[in-house]
Each structure stands twice: as structure tokens, then as C-alpha cells.
Amino acid sequence: MQKNSKSILVTGCAGFIGFHLTKRLLDEGFYVIGIDNMNDYYDTSLKYDRLKMIMKHPRFQLSKAQLRTWNYWKIFSISTILILWSI
């Protein structure tokens, strides 16, 4: 993925809201770095199916991690961070 002033970091990209947001951002021409820890709060097969749909996109990159342990801030030029989670 190229550095771009329109790069957006989306946490929870495999969840329902995160997936749809990521898909929309990609459709709008943004580069998206998606982070998801793929927890088993609900059926993970749903999350993997969603990821299969967006992993093919050339402006998407997935990092299977938790935000607190993600150490790639200097690699990517991120203009916006969208944090999506629920308790």
C-alpha cells in the first residue's frame, strides 16, 4: 500500500459497521488500513467472510492485531483514525 494523504485507519474492520464503513471508504477512493483482533464475541466465520470481500481491494491492507499493540504508525501516513468497538 502506498502512503497517501487519504489513508484512513479503521479498527474493527471485520465487524458489521466496520466492514460497511471500510467498503464505502474504498468505494470513495480512500486507502484503508484495517485492524481487527478477530475476537469470538460472535461467529468469527462472519468476520472472515467479510474480510474475503475487501481483502481483494488494492487500496486495503489488513492488520490482525489490537490497536494497543499495533506499532506501525511510522510506516503509514494516516490522515484519519476511526475507532469502532462495542462493549
Protein backbone atom coordinates (compact mmCIF):
# COMPACT_ATOMS: atom_id res chain seq x y z
CA MET A 1 0.00 0.00 0.00
CA GLN A 2 1.25 3.43 -0.87
CA LYS A 3 1.45 6.29 1.57
CA ASN A 4 -1.38 8.64 0.78
CA SER A 5 -2.87 11.73 2.39
CA LYS A 6 -6.22 9.99 2.15
CA SER A 7 -5.23 6.93 4.22
CA ILE A 8 -7.66 6.01 6.96
CA LEU A 9 -7.16 3.54 9.81
CA VAL A 10 -10.37 1.66 10.67
CA THR A 11 -10.43 -0.50 13.78
CA GLY A 12 -12.95 -3.32 13.88
CA CYS A 13 -12.93 -3.55 10.09
CA ALA A 14 -14.32 -7.11 10.10
CA GLY A 15 -17.33 -6.23 12.24
CA PHE A 16 -20.67 -5.26 10.78
CA ILE A 17 -20.27 -1.48 10.95
CA GLY A 18 -16.51 -1.51 10.34
CA PHE A 19 -16.89 -3.66 7.23
CA HIS A 20 -19.53 -1.43 5.68
CA LEU A 21 -17.59 1.70 6.55
CA THR A 22 -14.39 0.24 5.06
CA LYS A 23 -16.21 -0.79 1.90
CA ARG A 24 -17.67 2.70 1.50
CA LEU A 25 -14.31 4.40 2.08
CA LEU A 26 -12.69 2.18 -0.54
CA ASP A 27 -15.50 2.99 -2.98
CA GLU A 28 -14.86 6.69 -2.31
CA GLY A 29 -11.18 6.28 -3.26
CA PHE A 30 -9.53 6.18 0.16
CA TYR A 31 -6.69 3.89 1.16
CA VAL A 32 -7.79 1.90 4.22
CA ILE A 33 -5.68 0.17 6.82
CA GLY A 34 -7.99 -2.15 8.70
CA ILE A 35 -7.27 -3.53 12.15
CA ASP A 36 -9.27 -6.28 13.77
CA ASN A 37 -8.34 -8.71 16.51
CA MET A 38 -10.94 -11.22 15.22
CA ASN A 39 -12.28 -11.97 18.69
CA ASP A 40 -15.05 -14.51 19.11
CA TYR A 41 -17.69 -12.16 20.54
CA TYR A 42 -19.85 -13.57 17.75
CA ASP A 43 -19.26 -16.12 15.00
CA THR A 44 -15.85 -15.37 13.51
CA SER A 45 -16.81 -17.02 10.22
CA LEU A 46 -18.94 -13.93 9.54
CA LYS A 47 -15.90 -11.73 10.05
CA TYR A 48 -13.71 -13.87 7.80
CA ASP A 49 -16.38 -13.83 5.08
CA ARG A 50 -16.48 -10.03 5.22
CA LEU A 51 -12.71 -9.82 5.06
CA LYS A 52 -12.63 -12.04 1.97
CA MET A 53 -14.72 -9.41 0.19
CA ILE A 54 -12.45 -6.47 1.00
CA MET A 55 -9.04 -8.18 1.01
CA LYS A 56 -9.10 -8.23 -2.79
CA HIS A 57 -9.19 -4.46 -2.97
CA PRO A 58 -5.81 -2.92 -3.92
CA ARG A 59 -6.26 0.02 -1.53
CA PHE A 60 -6.93 -2.15 1.53
CA GLN A 61 -4.45 -3.64 3.94
CA LEU A 62 -5.38 -5.75 6.97
CA SER A 63 -3.50 -5.96 10.22
CA LYS A 64 -4.80 -8.67 12.54
CA ALA A 65 -3.97 -7.00 15.83
CA GLN A 66 -5.24 -4.94 18.69
CA LEU A 67 -4.83 -1.20 18.47
CA ARG A 68 -2.89 -1.02 21.74
CA THR A 69 -0.22 -3.36 20.35
CA TRP A 70 -0.14 -2.06 16.77
CA ASN A 71 3.27 -0.48 16.20
CA TYR A 72 3.20 0.58 12.57
CA TRP A 73 2.40 4.28 12.96
CA LYS A 74 5.60 5.39 11.23
CA ILE A 75 5.15 3.09 8.24
CA PHE A 76 1.80 4.51 7.17
CA SER A 77 0.84 8.11 6.61
CA ILE A 78 -2.58 8.05 8.25
CA SER A 79 -4.80 11.11 7.97
CA THR A 80 -7.77 9.80 9.99
CA ILE A 81 -8.41 7.13 12.61
CA LEU A 82 -11.90 5.67 13.04
CA ILE A 83 -12.26 3.50 16.14
CA LEU A 84 -15.25 1.20 16.15
CA TRP A 85 -15.99 -1.11 19.02
CA SER A 86 -18.77 -2.00 21.34
CA ILE A 87 -18.87 -3.35 24.84
